[in-house]
Amino acid sequence: MDFNMKKLASDAGVFFSRAVQFTEEKLGQAEKTELDAHFESLLAKADCTKNWTEKILHQTEVLLQPNPSVRVEEFLYEKLDRKVPSRVTNGELLAQYMVEAANDFGPGTPYGKTLLKVGETQKRLGGAERDFMHSASINFLNPLRNFLEGDWRTITKERRILENRRLDLDACKARLKKAKAAEAKASVNHLRCLHQFVESQATYYAQGYQYMLDLQKQLGRFPGTFVGNAESTSPPPATTSPTTVAATIPVVATVGRAPNPATAVEGALNLNDVKPPASGTRKARVLYDYEAADSSELALLADEMITVYSLPGMDPDWLIGERGNQKGKVPVTYLELLS
């Protein structure tokens, strides 16, 4: 026997797909392709014809042969393709009994003669019954059986093939719909992941920039430490507009030995005497916690709101921040300027 495992697996997959589609249709969870209305009407007529044909066939068999055991025996002979043994009818059997009784009572007696006459008539009736059963079987029962065992089986087979093809079509439609939905979802997820990657990268560069500023500030506190131009530092992170910072904070170049850039204004003015300008103050949201390095700086907590402004000659990487009665310098990279 040629056993093809791939074909078996393929057939099993098709059967499972059809079963899933059929179950989801019955539960109302899947769309079903509707057949042509005229074709559906023909199918309904075919079902009606089949049902009534089975009932008429069965009842006719009961009429012609009331004995169920004999009907089963004849059915088996027919399925085994063997000739059904000849049986006498009830009328013929009655005629036989009457003739035998007439012979015992005496054919010359009045009762015997009567039994013979009645027996002959019953025999003719029995023969007529046999002819009727034979004719009904050939001209009526056989065509009904041929319809049920031939035409109806062909109709059923074709309907099964059509139903399987419809299930395959609807299953393919359902898979295509799910694939499109998954593709759209994947596209959205990929876009979201790309945004998250860019945000993470921006955060990374902002942290690196701040770390270098902190290092520069610490190095500026050591005696004998020389730094280059303050403008040579990296630009502020993406959260702060470079044009806005440049417009707000003047850039002052320092060459040679320089003190801490964060305290560039501290020697020129006293923070307690600094008054905010009449215009030019802005609100800012703190992005990260910041610990003040000295009394001239203002410690920050993430997500709090402060007021900021710049002063002439300040390092462009720093602003003056106010929170209530507290005032001090704050790094620009830790802020998100709002208005």
C-alpha atoms as a PDB file:
ATOM      1  CA  MET A   1       0.000   0.000   0.000  1.00  0.00           C
ATOM      2  CA  ASP A   2       1.347   3.389  -1.040  1.00  0.00           C
ATOM      3  CA  PHE A   3       1.339   5.358   2.208  1.00  0.00           C
ATOM      4  CA  ASN A   4       2.008   9.065   1.646  1.00  0.00           C
ATOM      5  CA  MET A   5       2.604  10.841   4.945  1.00  0.00           C
ATOM      6  CA  LYS A   6       2.611  14.301   3.352  1.00  0.00           C
ATOM      7  CA  LYS A   7      -0.763  13.729   1.720  1.00  0.00           C
ATOM      8  CA  LEU A   8      -2.151  12.372   4.993  1.00  0.00           C
ATOM      9  CA  ALA A   9      -0.924  15.435   6.882  1.00  0.00           C
ATOM     10  CA  SER A  10      -2.315  17.743   4.194  1.00  0.00           C
ATOM     11  CA  ASP A  11      -5.720  16.046   4.271  1.00  0.00           C
ATOM     12  CA  ALA A  12      -5.773  16.212   8.057  1.00  0.00           C
ATOM     13  CA  GLY A  13      -4.995  19.918   7.942  1.00  0.00           C
ATOM     14  CA  VAL A  14      -7.757  20.573   5.418  1.00  0.00           C
ATOM     15  CA  PHE A  15     -10.243  18.581   7.498  1.00  0.00           C
ATOM     16  CA  PHE A  16      -9.303  20.489  10.655  1.00  0.00           C
ATOM     17  CA  SER A  17      -9.607  23.829   8.849  1.00  0.00           C
ATOM     18  CA  ARG A  18     -13.067  22.898   7.577  1.00  0.00           C
ATOM     19  CA  ALA A  19     -14.145  21.734  11.022  1.00  0.00           C
ATOM     20  CA  VAL A  20     -13.019  25.006  12.607  1.00  0.00           C
ATOM     21  CA  GLN A  21     -14.794  27.060   9.933  1.00  0.00           C
ATOM     22  CA  PHE A  22     -17.999  25.036  10.273  1.00  0.00           C
ATOM     23  CA  THR A  23     -17.978  25.334  14.086  1.00  0.00           C
ATOM     24  CA  GLU A  24     -17.364  29.087  14.011  1.00  0.00           C
ATOM     25  CA  GLU A  25     -20.208  29.524  11.509  1.00  0.00           C
ATOM     26  CA  LYS A  26     -22.585  27.629  13.777  1.00  0.00           C
ATOM     27  CA  LEU A  27     -21.502  29.793  16.725  1.00  0.00           C
ATOM     28  CA  GLY A  28     -21.899  32.975  14.670  1.00  0.00           C
ATOM     29  CA  GLN A  29     -18.191  33.816  14.897  1.00  0.00           C
ATOM     30  CA  ALA A  30     -17.353  33.517  11.183  1.00  0.00           C
ATOM     31  CA  GLU A  31     -18.809  34.803   7.940  1.00  0.00           C
ATOM     32  CA  LYS A  32     -20.538  32.345   5.612  1.00  0.00           C
ATOM     33  CA  THR A  33     -20.705  32.664   1.845  1.00  0.00           C
ATOM     34  CA  GLU A  34     -24.352  32.427   0.818  1.00  0.00           C
ATOM     35  CA  LEU A  35     -25.241  30.317  -2.215  1.00  0.00           C
ATOM     36  CA  ASP A  36     -27.459  31.439  -5.076  1.00  0.00           C
ATOM     37  CA  ALA A  37     -31.120  31.752  -4.016  1.00  0.00           C
ATOM     38  CA  HIS A  38     -32.366  29.628  -6.924  1.00  0.00           C
ATOM     39  CA  PHE A  39     -29.806  26.949  -6.105  1.00  0.00           C
ATOM     40  CA  GLU A  40     -30.861  26.970  -2.457  1.00  0.00           C
ATOM     41  CA  SER A  41     -34.461  26.496  -3.581  1.00  0.00           C
ATOM     42  CA  LEU A  42     -33.443  23.484  -5.687  1.00  0.00           C
ATOM     43  CA  LEU A  43     -31.635  21.981  -2.710  1.00  0.00           C
ATOM     44  CA  ALA A  44     -34.718  22.426  -0.538  1.00  0.00           C
ATOM     45  CA  LYS A  45     -36.875  20.707  -3.176  1.00  0.00           C
ATOM     46  CA  ALA A  46     -34.379  17.859  -3.407  1.00  0.00           C
ATOM     47  CA  ASP A  47     -34.489  17.353   0.371  1.00  0.00           C
ATOM     48  CA  CYS A  48     -38.281  17.382   0.320  1.00  0.00           C
ATOM     49  CA  THR A  49     -38.369  14.832  -2.529  1.00  0.00           C
ATOM     50  CA  LYS A  50     -35.955  12.542  -0.719  1.00  0.00           C
ATOM     51  CA  ASN A  51     -37.922  12.612   2.549  1.00  0.00           C
ATOM     52  CA  TRP A  52     -41.273  11.853   0.943  1.00  0.00           C
ATOM     53  CA  THR A  53     -39.782   9.180  -1.294  1.00  0.00           C
ATOM     54  CA  GLU A  54     -38.402   7.332   1.730  1.00  0.00           C
ATOM     55  CA  LYS A  55     -41.781   7.464   3.499  1.00  0.00           C
ATOM     56  CA  ILE A  56     -43.755   6.296   0.447  1.00  0.00           C
ATOM     57  CA  LEU A  57     -41.273   3.481  -0.261  1.00  0.00           C
ATOM     58  CA  HIS A  58     -41.376   2.208   3.302  1.00  0.00           C
ATOM     59  CA  GLN A  59     -45.155   2.264   3.553  1.00  0.00           C
ATOM     60  CA  THR A  60     -45.562   0.527   0.167  1.00  0.00           C
ATOM     61  CA  GLU A  61     -43.234  -2.249   1.309  1.00  0.00           C
ATOM     62  CA  VAL A  62     -45.354  -2.644   4.455  1.00  0.00           C
ATOM     63  CA  LEU A  63     -48.488  -2.841   2.306  1.00  0.00           C
ATOM     64  CA  LEU A  64     -47.047  -5.490   0.002  1.00  0.00           C
ATOM     65  CA  GLN A  65     -45.377  -7.488   2.770  1.00  0.00           C
ATOM     66  CA  PRO A  66     -46.819  -6.874   6.252  1.00  0.00           C
ATOM     67  CA  ASN A  67     -44.450  -9.364   7.888  1.00  0.00           C
ATOM     68  CA  PRO A  68     -41.344  -7.411   9.016  1.00  0.00           C
ATOM     69  CA  SER A  69     -39.212 -10.559   9.285  1.00  0.00           C
ATOM     70  CA  VAL A  70     -39.933 -11.445   5.683  1.00  0.00           C
ATOM     71  CA  ARG A  71     -39.096  -7.879   4.619  1.00  0.00           C
ATOM     72  CA  VAL A  72     -35.724  -8.060   6.369  1.00  0.00           C
ATOM     73  CA  GLU A  73     -35.035 -11.433   4.741  1.00  0.00           C
ATOM     74  CA  GLU A  74     -35.871 -10.097   1.291  1.00  0.00           C
ATOM     75  CA  PHE A  75     -33.671  -7.031   1.938  1.00  0.00           C
ATOM     76  CA  LEU A  76     -30.712  -9.263   2.805  1.00  0.00           C
ATOM     77  CA  TYR A  77     -31.229 -11.401  -0.306  1.00  0.00           C
ATOM     78  CA  GLU A  78     -31.292  -8.254  -2.401  1.00  0.00           C
ATOM     79  CA  LYS A  79     -28.095  -6.834  -0.855  1.00  0.00           C
ATOM     80  CA  LEU A  80     -26.329 -10.171  -1.314  1.00  0.00           C
ATOM     81  CA  ASP A  81     -27.448 -10.192  -4.944  1.00  0.00           C
ATOM     82  CA  ARG A  82     -29.203 -13.529  -4.546  1.00  0.00           C
ATOM     83  CA  LYS A  83     -32.584 -14.595  -5.867  1.00  0.00           C
ATOM     84  CA  VAL A  84     -35.448 -14.271  -3.397  1.00  0.00           C
ATOM     85  CA  PRO A  85     -37.073 -17.688  -2.828  1.00  0.00           C
ATOM     86  CA  SER A  86     -40.601 -18.022  -4.124  1.00  0.00           C
ATOM     87  CA  ARG A  87     -43.301 -17.863  -1.467  1.00  0.00           C
ATOM     88  CA  VAL A  88     -46.996 -18.615  -1.675  1.00  0.00           C
ATOM     89  CA  THR A  89     -49.371 -15.795  -0.917  1.00  0.00           C
ATOM     90  CA  ASN A  90     -51.912 -15.924   1.869  1.00  0.00           C
ATOM     91  CA  GLY A  91     -54.741 -16.444  -0.672  1.00  0.00           C
ATOM     92  CA  GLU A  92     -52.919 -19.321  -2.311  1.00  0.00           C
ATOM     93  CA  LEU A  93     -52.254 -20.931   1.066  1.00  0.00           C
ATOM     94  CA  LEU A  94     -55.930 -20.586   2.003  1.00  0.00           C
ATOM     95  CA  ALA A  95     -56.960 -22.158  -1.321  1.00  0.00           C
ATOM     96  CA  GLN A  96     -54.610 -25.079  -0.692  1.00  0.00           C
ATOM     97  CA  TYR A  97     -56.149 -25.701   2.735  1.00  0.00           C
ATOM     98  CA  MET A  98     -59.711 -25.585   1.326  1.00  0.00           C
ATOM     99  CA  VAL A  99     -58.920 -28.106  -1.440  1.00  0.00           C
ATOM    100  CA  GLU A 100     -57.300 -30.477   1.032  1.00  0.00           C
ATOM    101  CA  ALA A 101     -60.321 -30.157   3.372  1.00  0.00           C
ATOM    102  CA  ALA A 102     -62.738 -30.824   0.481  1.00  0.00           C
ATOM    103  CA  ASN A 103     -60.883 -33.988  -0.386  1.00  0.00           C
ATOM    104  CA  ASP A 104     -61.111 -35.136   3.235  1.00  0.00           C
ATOM    105  CA  PHE A 105     -64.827 -34.303   3.549  1.00  0.00           C
ATOM    106  CA  GLY A 106     -65.535 -35.808   0.122  1.00  0.00           C
ATOM    107  CA  PRO A 107     -65.641 -33.880  -3.136  1.00  0.00           C
ATOM    108  CA  GLY A 108     -69.135 -35.174  -3.832  1.00  0.00           C
ATOM    109  CA  THR A 109     -70.689 -33.783  -0.683  1.00  0.00           C
ATOM    110  CA  PRO A 110     -72.282 -30.333  -0.777  1.00  0.00           C
ATOM    111  CA  TYR A 111     -69.706 -28.945   1.687  1.00  0.00           C
ATOM    112  CA  GLY A 112     -66.824 -30.496  -0.236  1.00  0.00           C
ATOM    113  CA  LYS A 113     -68.059 -29.069  -3.548  1.00  0.00           C
ATOM    114  CA  THR A 114     -68.390 -25.631  -1.970  1.00  0.00           C
ATOM    115  CA  LEU A 115     -64.885 -25.781  -0.522  1.00  0.00           C
ATOM    116  CA  LEU A 116     -63.511 -26.676  -3.951  1.00  0.00           C
ATOM    117  CA  LYS A 117     -65.279 -23.734  -5.609  1.00  0.00           C
ATOM    118  CA  VAL A 118     -64.151 -21.256  -2.934  1.00  0.00           C
ATOM    119  CA  GLY A 119     -60.624 -22.720  -2.957  1.00  0.00           C
ATOM    120  CA  GLU A 120     -60.306 -22.220  -6.712  1.00  0.00           C
ATOM    121  CA  THR A 121     -61.404 -18.606  -6.371  1.00  0.00           C
ATOM    122  CA  GLN A 122     -58.944 -17.992  -3.521  1.00  0.00           C
ATOM    123  CA  LYS A 123     -56.193 -19.508  -5.643  1.00  0.00           C
ATOM    124  CA  ARG A 124     -56.959 -17.112  -8.471  1.00  0.00           C
ATOM    125  CA  LEU A 125     -57.006 -14.230  -5.979  1.00  0.00           C
ATOM    126  CA  GLY A 126     -53.647 -15.364  -4.587  1.00  0.00           C
ATOM    127  CA  GLY A 127     -52.201 -15.451  -8.093  1.00  0.00           C
ATOM    128  CA  ALA A 128     -53.561 -11.991  -8.803  1.00  0.00           C
ATOM    129  CA  GLU A 129     -51.969 -10.792  -5.554  1.00  0.00           C
ATOM    130  CA  ARG A 130     -48.641 -12.287  -6.614  1.00  0.00           C
ATOM    131  CA  ASP A 131     -48.873 -10.533  -9.969  1.00  0.00           C
ATOM    132  CA  PHE A 132     -49.742  -7.247  -8.232  1.00  0.00           C
ATOM    133  CA  MET A 133     -46.779  -7.500  -5.871  1.00  0.00           C
ATOM    134  CA  HIS A 134     -44.414  -8.345  -8.731  1.00  0.00           C
ATOM    135  CA  SER A 135     -45.706  -5.507 -10.893  1.00  0.00           C
ATOM    136  CA  ALA A 136     -45.593  -3.003  -8.003  1.00  0.00           C
ATOM    137  CA  SER A 137     -42.057  -4.045  -7.154  1.00  0.00           C
ATOM    138  CA  ILE A 138     -40.809  -3.628 -10.734  1.00  0.00           C
ATOM    139  CA  ASN A 139     -42.774  -0.566 -11.823  1.00  0.00           C
ATOM    140  CA  PHE A 140     -43.002   1.372  -8.532  1.00  0.00           C
ATOM    141  CA  LEU A 141     -40.621   0.240  -5.791  1.00  0.00           C
ATOM    142  CA  ASN A 142     -37.554  -0.275  -7.981  1.00  0.00           C
ATOM    143  CA  PRO A 143     -37.672   3.274  -9.447  1.00  0.00           C
ATOM    144  CA  LEU A 144     -37.982   4.736  -5.953  1.00  0.00           C
ATOM    145  CA  ARG A 145     -35.045   2.629  -4.747  1.00  0.00           C
ATOM    146  CA  ASN A 146     -33.007   3.638  -7.793  1.00  0.00           C
ATOM    147  CA  PHE A 147     -33.650   7.300  -7.006  1.00  0.00           C
ATOM    148  CA  LEU A 148     -32.558   6.941  -3.379  1.00  0.00           C
ATOM    149  CA  GLU A 149     -29.551   4.729  -4.107  1.00  0.00           C
ATOM    150  CA  GLY A 150     -28.474   6.402  -7.335  1.00  0.00           C
ATOM    151  CA  ASP A 151     -29.613   9.950  -8.036  1.00  0.00           C
ATOM    152  CA  TRP A 152     -29.876  10.982  -4.420  1.00  0.00           C
ATOM    153  CA  ARG A 153     -26.422   9.624  -3.574  1.00  0.00           C
ATOM    154  CA  THR A 154     -24.988  11.581  -6.495  1.00  0.00           C
ATOM    155  CA  ILE A 155     -26.767  14.729  -5.297  1.00  0.00           C
ATOM    156  CA  THR A 156     -25.491  14.154  -1.769  1.00  0.00           C
ATOM    157  CA  LYS A 157     -21.927  13.627  -2.994  1.00  0.00           C
ATOM    158  CA  GLU A 158     -21.993  16.783  -5.097  1.00  0.00           C
ATOM    159  CA  ARG A 159     -23.478  18.756  -2.218  1.00  0.00           C
ATOM    160  CA  ARG A 160     -20.738  17.516   0.071  1.00  0.00           C
ATOM    161  CA  ILE A 161     -18.082  18.548  -2.440  1.00  0.00           C
ATOM    162  CA  LEU A 162     -19.707  21.966  -2.853  1.00  0.00           C
ATOM    163  CA  GLU A 163     -19.958  22.429   0.914  1.00  0.00           C
ATOM    164  CA  ASN A 164     -16.291  21.482   1.363  1.00  0.00           C
ATOM    165  CA  ARG A 165     -15.254  23.956  -1.315  1.00  0.00           C
ATOM    166  CA  ARG A 166     -17.346  26.653   0.327  1.00  0.00           C
ATOM    167  CA  LEU A 167     -15.781  25.899   3.709  1.00  0.00           C
ATOM    168  CA  ASP A 168     -12.318  26.068   2.132  1.00  0.00           C
ATOM    169  CA  LEU A 169     -13.175  29.414   0.524  1.00  0.00           C
ATOM    170  CA  ASP A 170     -14.547  30.913   3.739  1.00  0.00           C
ATOM    171  CA  ALA A 171     -11.584  29.549   5.721  1.00  0.00           C
ATOM    172  CA  CYS A 172      -9.206  31.232   3.261  1.00  0.00           C
ATOM    173  CA  LYS A 173     -11.168  34.476   3.558  1.00  0.00           C
ATOM    174  CA  ALA A 174     -10.952  34.283   7.342  1.00  0.00           C
ATOM    175  CA  ARG A 175      -7.189  33.622   7.237  1.00  0.00           C
ATOM    176  CA  LEU A 176      -6.688  36.503   4.811  1.00  0.00           C
ATOM    177  CA  LYS A 177      -8.674  38.831   7.063  1.00  0.00           C
ATOM    178  CA  LYS A 178      -6.655  37.774  10.107  1.00  0.00           C
ATOM    179  CA  ALA A 179      -3.409  38.184   8.165  1.00  0.00           C
ATOM    180  CA  LYS A 180      -4.337  41.727   7.133  1.00  0.00           C
ATOM    181  CA  ALA A 181      -5.282  42.594  10.703  1.00  0.00           C
ATOM    182  CA  ALA A 182      -2.028  41.101  12.002  1.00  0.00           C
ATOM    183  CA  GLU A 183      -0.050  43.001   9.354  1.00  0.00           C
ATOM    184  CA  ALA A 184      -1.676  46.284  10.342  1.00  0.00           C
ATOM    185  CA  LYS A 185      -1.054  45.563  14.020  1.00  0.00           C
ATOM    186  CA  ALA A 186       2.555  44.613  13.328  1.00  0.00           C
ATOM    187  CA  SER A 187       3.062  47.839  11.374  1.00  0.00           C
ATOM    188  CA  VAL A 188       1.752  49.870  14.290  1.00  0.00           C
ATOM    189  CA  ASN A 189       3.910  47.924  16.738  1.00  0.00           C
ATOM    190  CA  HIS A 190       7.001  48.395  14.574  1.00  0.00           C
ATOM    191  CA  LEU A 191       6.350  52.122  14.358  1.00  0.00           C
ATOM    192  CA  ARG A 192       5.879  52.323  18.119  1.00  0.00           C
ATOM    193  CA  CYS A 193       9.078  50.364  18.704  1.00  0.00           C
ATOM    194  CA  LEU A 194      10.947  52.690  16.342  1.00  0.00           C
ATOM    195  CA  HIS A 195       9.696  55.712  18.290  1.00  0.00           C
ATOM    196  CA  GLN A 196      10.755  54.085  21.542  1.00  0.00           C
ATOM    197  CA  PHE A 197      14.188  53.382  20.073  1.00  0.00           C
ATOM    198  CA  VAL A 198      14.601  57.019  19.045  1.00  0.00           C
ATOM    199  CA  GLU A 199      13.424  58.234  22.460  1.00  0.00           C
ATOM    200  CA  SER A 200      15.812  55.861  24.226  1.00  0.00           C
ATOM    201  CA  GLN A 201      18.671  57.004  22.030  1.00  0.00           C
ATOM    202  CA  ALA A 202      17.817  60.660  22.695  1.00  0.00           C
ATOM    203  CA  THR A 203      17.739  59.948  26.441  1.00  0.00           C
ATOM    204  CA  TYR A 204      21.098  58.217  26.164  1.00  0.00           C
ATOM    205  CA  TYR A 205      22.723  61.175  24.427  1.00  0.00           C
ATOM    206  CA  ALA A 206      21.120  63.603  26.903  1.00  0.00           C
ATOM    207  CA  GLN A 207      22.508  61.625  29.829  1.00  0.00           C
ATOM    208  CA  GLY A 208      25.927  61.458  28.211  1.00  0.00           C
ATOM    209  CA  TYR A 209      25.866  65.192  27.600  1.00  0.00           C
ATOM    210  CA  GLN A 210      24.917  65.847  31.216  1.00  0.00           C
ATOM    211  CA  TYR A 211      27.614  63.519  32.513  1.00  0.00           C
ATOM    212  CA  MET A 212      30.211  65.438  30.509  1.00  0.00           C
ATOM    213  CA  LEU A 213      28.864  68.755  31.814  1.00  0.00           C
ATOM    214  CA  ASP A 214      29.137  67.454  35.374  1.00  0.00           C
ATOM    215  CA  LEU A 215      32.678  66.326  34.682  1.00  0.00           C
ATOM    216  CA  GLN A 216      33.547  69.711  33.175  1.00  0.00           C
ATOM    217  CA  LYS A 217      32.089  71.435  36.223  1.00  0.00           C
ATOM    218  CA  GLN A 218      34.081  69.244  38.603  1.00  0.00           C
ATOM    219  CA  LEU A 219      37.290  69.751  36.654  1.00  0.00           C
ATOM    220  CA  GLY A 220      36.764  73.532  36.688  1.00  0.00           C
ATOM    221  CA  ARG A 221      36.851  73.514  40.505  1.00  0.00           C
ATOM    222  CA  PHE A 222      40.386  72.163  40.645  1.00  0.00           C
ATOM    223  CA  PRO A 223      43.183  74.785  40.704  1.00  0.00           C
ATOM    224  CA  GLY A 224      45.337  74.846  37.616  1.00  0.00           C
ATOM    225  CA  THR A 225      42.676  73.258  35.428  1.00  0.00           C
ATOM    226  CA  PHE A 226      42.327  74.870  31.999  1.00  0.00           C
ATOM    227  CA  VAL A 227      39.322  74.497  29.775  1.00  0.00           C
ATOM    228  CA  GLY A 228      38.696  75.513  26.209  1.00  0.00           C
ATOM    229  CA  ASN A 229      35.928  77.605  24.771  1.00  0.00           C
ATOM    230  CA  ALA A 230      32.666  77.068  26.646  1.00  0.00           C
ATOM    231  CA  GLU A 231      30.910  77.029  23.326  1.00  0.00           C
ATOM    232  CA  SER A 232      32.751  73.837  22.282  1.00  0.00           C
ATOM    233  CA  THR A 233      30.500  71.661  24.425  1.00  0.00           C
ATOM    234  CA  SER A 234      27.868  69.521  22.748  1.00  0.00           C
ATOM    235  CA  PRO A 235      24.482  71.078  21.984  1.00  0.00           C
ATOM    236  CA  PRO A 236      21.691  70.577  24.490  1.00  0.00           C
ATOM    237  CA  PRO A 237      19.427  67.481  24.186  1.00  0.00           C
ATOM    238  CA  ALA A 238      16.413  67.301  21.868  1.00  0.00           C
ATOM    239  CA  THR A 239      14.027  68.361  24.612  1.00  0.00           C
ATOM    240  CA  THR A 240      15.460  71.914  24.551  1.00  0.00           C
ATOM    241  CA  SER A 241      15.244  73.944  21.371  1.00  0.00           C
ATOM    242  CA  PRO A 242      18.753  75.147  20.411  1.00  0.00           C
ATOM    243  CA  THR A 243      17.403  78.303  18.816  1.00  0.00           C
ATOM    244  CA  THR A 244      15.393  79.143  21.910  1.00  0.00           C
ATOM    245  CA  VAL A 245      18.355  78.677  24.223  1.00  0.00           C
ATOM    246  CA  ALA A 246      20.601  80.689  21.958  1.00  0.00           C
ATOM    247  CA  ALA A 247      18.089  83.521  21.868  1.00  0.00           C
ATOM    248  CA  THR A 248      17.554  83.452  25.624  1.00  0.00           C
ATOM    249  CA  ILE A 249      21.090  82.985  26.880  1.00  0.00           C
ATOM    250  CA  PRO A 250      23.940  85.038  25.368  1.00  0.00           C
ATOM    251  CA  VAL A 251      27.059  83.067  24.523  1.00  0.00           C
ATOM    252  CA  VAL A 252      30.210  84.294  26.237  1.00  0.00           C
ATOM    253  CA  ALA A 253      33.555  82.832  25.179  1.00  0.00           C
ATOM    254  CA  THR A 254      36.141  82.104  27.868  1.00  0.00           C
ATOM    255  CA  VAL A 255      39.677  81.364  26.890  1.00  0.00           C
ATOM    256  CA  GLY A 256      42.487  80.326  29.108  1.00  0.00           C
ATOM    257  CA  ARG A 257      42.041  79.340  32.697  1.00  0.00           C
ATOM    258  CA  ALA A 258      38.404  79.571  33.684  1.00  0.00           C
ATOM    259  CA  PRO A 259      36.533  78.955  36.882  1.00  0.00           C
ATOM    260  CA  ASN A 260      33.555  76.610  37.045  1.00  0.00           C
ATOM    261  CA  PRO A 261      31.221  77.567  34.137  1.00  0.00           C
ATOM    262  CA  ALA A 262      28.275  77.013  36.402  1.00  0.00           C
ATOM    263  CA  THR A 263      29.504  79.776  38.697  1.00  0.00           C
ATOM    264  CA  ALA A 264      30.456  82.226  35.970  1.00  0.00           C
ATOM    265  CA  VAL A 265      27.835  84.734  37.107  1.00  0.00           C
ATOM    266  CA  GLU A 266      28.284  84.159  40.840  1.00  0.00           C
ATOM    267  CA  GLY A 267      31.338  86.389  41.088  1.00  0.00           C
ATOM    268  CA  ALA A 268      29.662  89.207  39.163  1.00  0.00           C
ATOM    269  CA  LEU A 269      26.392  89.330  41.054  1.00  0.00           C
ATOM    270  CA  ASN A 270      24.666  88.138  44.188  1.00  0.00           C
ATOM    271  CA  LEU A 271      21.783  85.746  43.512  1.00  0.00           C
ATOM    272  CA  ASN A 272      19.809  87.189  46.414  1.00  0.00           C
ATOM    273  CA  ASP A 273      19.891  90.573  44.678  1.00  0.00           C
ATOM    274  CA  VAL A 274      18.857  89.189  41.286  1.00  0.00           C
ATOM    275  CA  LYS A 275      15.404  90.217  40.246  1.00  0.00           C
ATOM    276  CA  PRO A 276      13.533  88.394  37.437  1.00  0.00           C
ATOM    277  CA  PRO A 277      13.135  90.487  34.277  1.00  0.00           C
ATOM    278  CA  ALA A 278       9.782  92.072  33.559  1.00  0.00           C
ATOM    279  CA  SER A 279       9.445  89.836  30.519  1.00  0.00           C
ATOM    280  CA  GLY A 280      11.291  86.733  29.414  1.00  0.00           C
ATOM    281  CA  THR A 281      10.542  84.371  32.314  1.00  0.00           C
ATOM    282  CA  ARG A 282       9.408  80.907  31.327  1.00  0.00           C
ATOM    283  CA  LYS A 283       7.901  77.865  32.976  1.00  0.00           C
ATOM    284  CA  ALA A 284       9.920  74.662  32.857  1.00  0.00           C
ATOM    285  CA  ARG A 285       9.328  71.056  33.873  1.00  0.00           C
ATOM    286  CA  VAL A 286      12.196  69.204  35.554  1.00  0.00           C
ATOM    287  CA  LEU A 287      13.164  66.037  33.675  1.00  0.00           C
ATOM    288  CA  TYR A 288      15.542  64.471  36.208  1.00  0.00           C
ATOM    289  CA  ASP A 289      16.503  64.858  39.839  1.00  0.00           C
ATOM    290  CA  TYR A 290      19.465  67.214  40.344  1.00  0.00           C
ATOM    291  CA  GLU A 291      21.530  67.652  43.487  1.00  0.00           C
ATOM    292  CA  ALA A 292      22.919  71.146  43.971  1.00  0.00           C
ATOM    293  CA  ALA A 293      26.729  71.234  43.990  1.00  0.00           C
ATOM    294  CA  ASP A 294      26.906  74.424  46.089  1.00  0.00           C
ATOM    295  CA  SER A 295      24.730  77.163  47.559  1.00  0.00           C
ATOM    296  CA  SER A 296      24.510  79.008  44.254  1.00  0.00           C
ATOM    297  CA  GLU A 297      22.632  76.117  42.613  1.00  0.00           C
ATOM    298  CA  LEU A 298      19.031  75.032  43.069  1.00  0.00           C
ATOM    299  CA  ALA A 299      18.331  71.343  43.779  1.00  0.00           C
ATOM    300  CA  LEU A 300      15.662  69.841  41.507  1.00  0.00           C
ATOM    301  CA  LEU A 301      13.138  67.031  41.700  1.00  0.00           C
ATOM    302  CA  ALA A 302      11.842  65.265  38.611  1.00  0.00           C
ATOM    303  CA  ASP A 303       8.451  66.457  37.235  1.00  0.00           C
ATOM    304  CA  GLU A 304       8.260  69.597  39.377  1.00  0.00           C
ATOM    305  CA  MET A 305       7.522  72.991  37.785  1.00  0.00           C
ATOM    306  CA  ILE A 306       9.827  76.000  38.227  1.00  0.00           C
ATOM    307  CA  THR A 307      10.235  79.487  36.741  1.00  0.00           C
ATOM    308  CA  VAL A 308      13.439  80.139  34.786  1.00  0.00           C
ATOM    309  CA  TYR A 309      15.104  83.106  33.106  1.00  0.00           C
ATOM    310  CA  SER A 310      18.555  84.065  31.919  1.00  0.00           C
ATOM    311  CA  LEU A 311      20.951  86.853  32.827  1.00  0.00           C
ATOM    312  CA  PRO A 312      23.419  88.661  30.632  1.00  0.00           C
ATOM    313  CA  GLY A 313      26.780  86.919  30.582  1.00  0.00           C
ATOM    314  CA  MET A 314      25.497  83.575  31.904  1.00  0.00           C
ATOM    315  CA  ASP A 315      26.801  80.282  30.623  1.00  0.00           C
ATOM    316  CA  PRO A 316      24.332  79.160  27.905  1.00  0.00           C
ATOM    317  CA  ASP A 317      24.037  75.773  29.624  1.00  0.00           C
ATOM    318  CA  TRP A 318      22.598  77.302  32.806  1.00  0.00           C
ATOM    319  CA  LEU A 319      19.544  79.356  33.797  1.00  0.00           C
ATOM    320  CA  ILE A 320      18.338  81.048  36.931  1.00  0.00           C
ATOM    321  CA  GLY A 321      15.550  78.985  38.462  1.00  0.00           C
ATOM    322  CA  GLU A 322      13.011  80.012  41.093  1.00  0.00           C
ATOM    323  CA  ARG A 323      10.748  77.811  43.194  1.00  0.00           C
ATOM    324  CA  GLY A 324       8.803  79.777  45.735  1.00  0.00           C
ATOM    325  CA  ASN A 325      11.372  81.661  47.868  1.00  0.00           C
ATOM    326  CA  GLN A 326      14.260  79.477  46.654  1.00  0.00           C
ATOM    327  CA  LYS A 327      16.496  80.671  43.824  1.00  0.00           C
ATOM    328  CA  GLY A 328      19.599  79.304  42.156  1.00  0.00           C
ATOM    329  CA  LYS A 329      21.297  78.207  38.953  1.00  0.00           C
ATOM    330  CA  VAL A 330      19.905  75.122  37.198  1.00  0.00           C
ATOM    331  CA  PRO A 331      21.284  73.158  34.204  1.00  0.00           C
ATOM    332  CA  VAL A 332      19.323  73.580  30.969  1.00  0.00           C
ATOM    333  CA  THR A 333      19.614  69.873  30.089  1.00  0.00           C
ATOM    334  CA  TYR A 334      17.563  68.937  33.133  1.00  0.00           C
ATOM    335  CA  LEU A 335      14.622  71.080  32.001  1.00  0.00           C
ATOM    336  CA  GLU A 336      11.847  71.025  29.462  1.00  0.00           C
ATOM    337  CA  LEU A 337      10.966  74.623  28.610  1.00  0.00           C
ATOM    338  CA  LEU A 338       7.207  75.014  28.297  1.00  0.00           C
ATOM    339  CA  SER A 339       6.371  78.652  27.716  1.00  0.00           C
END
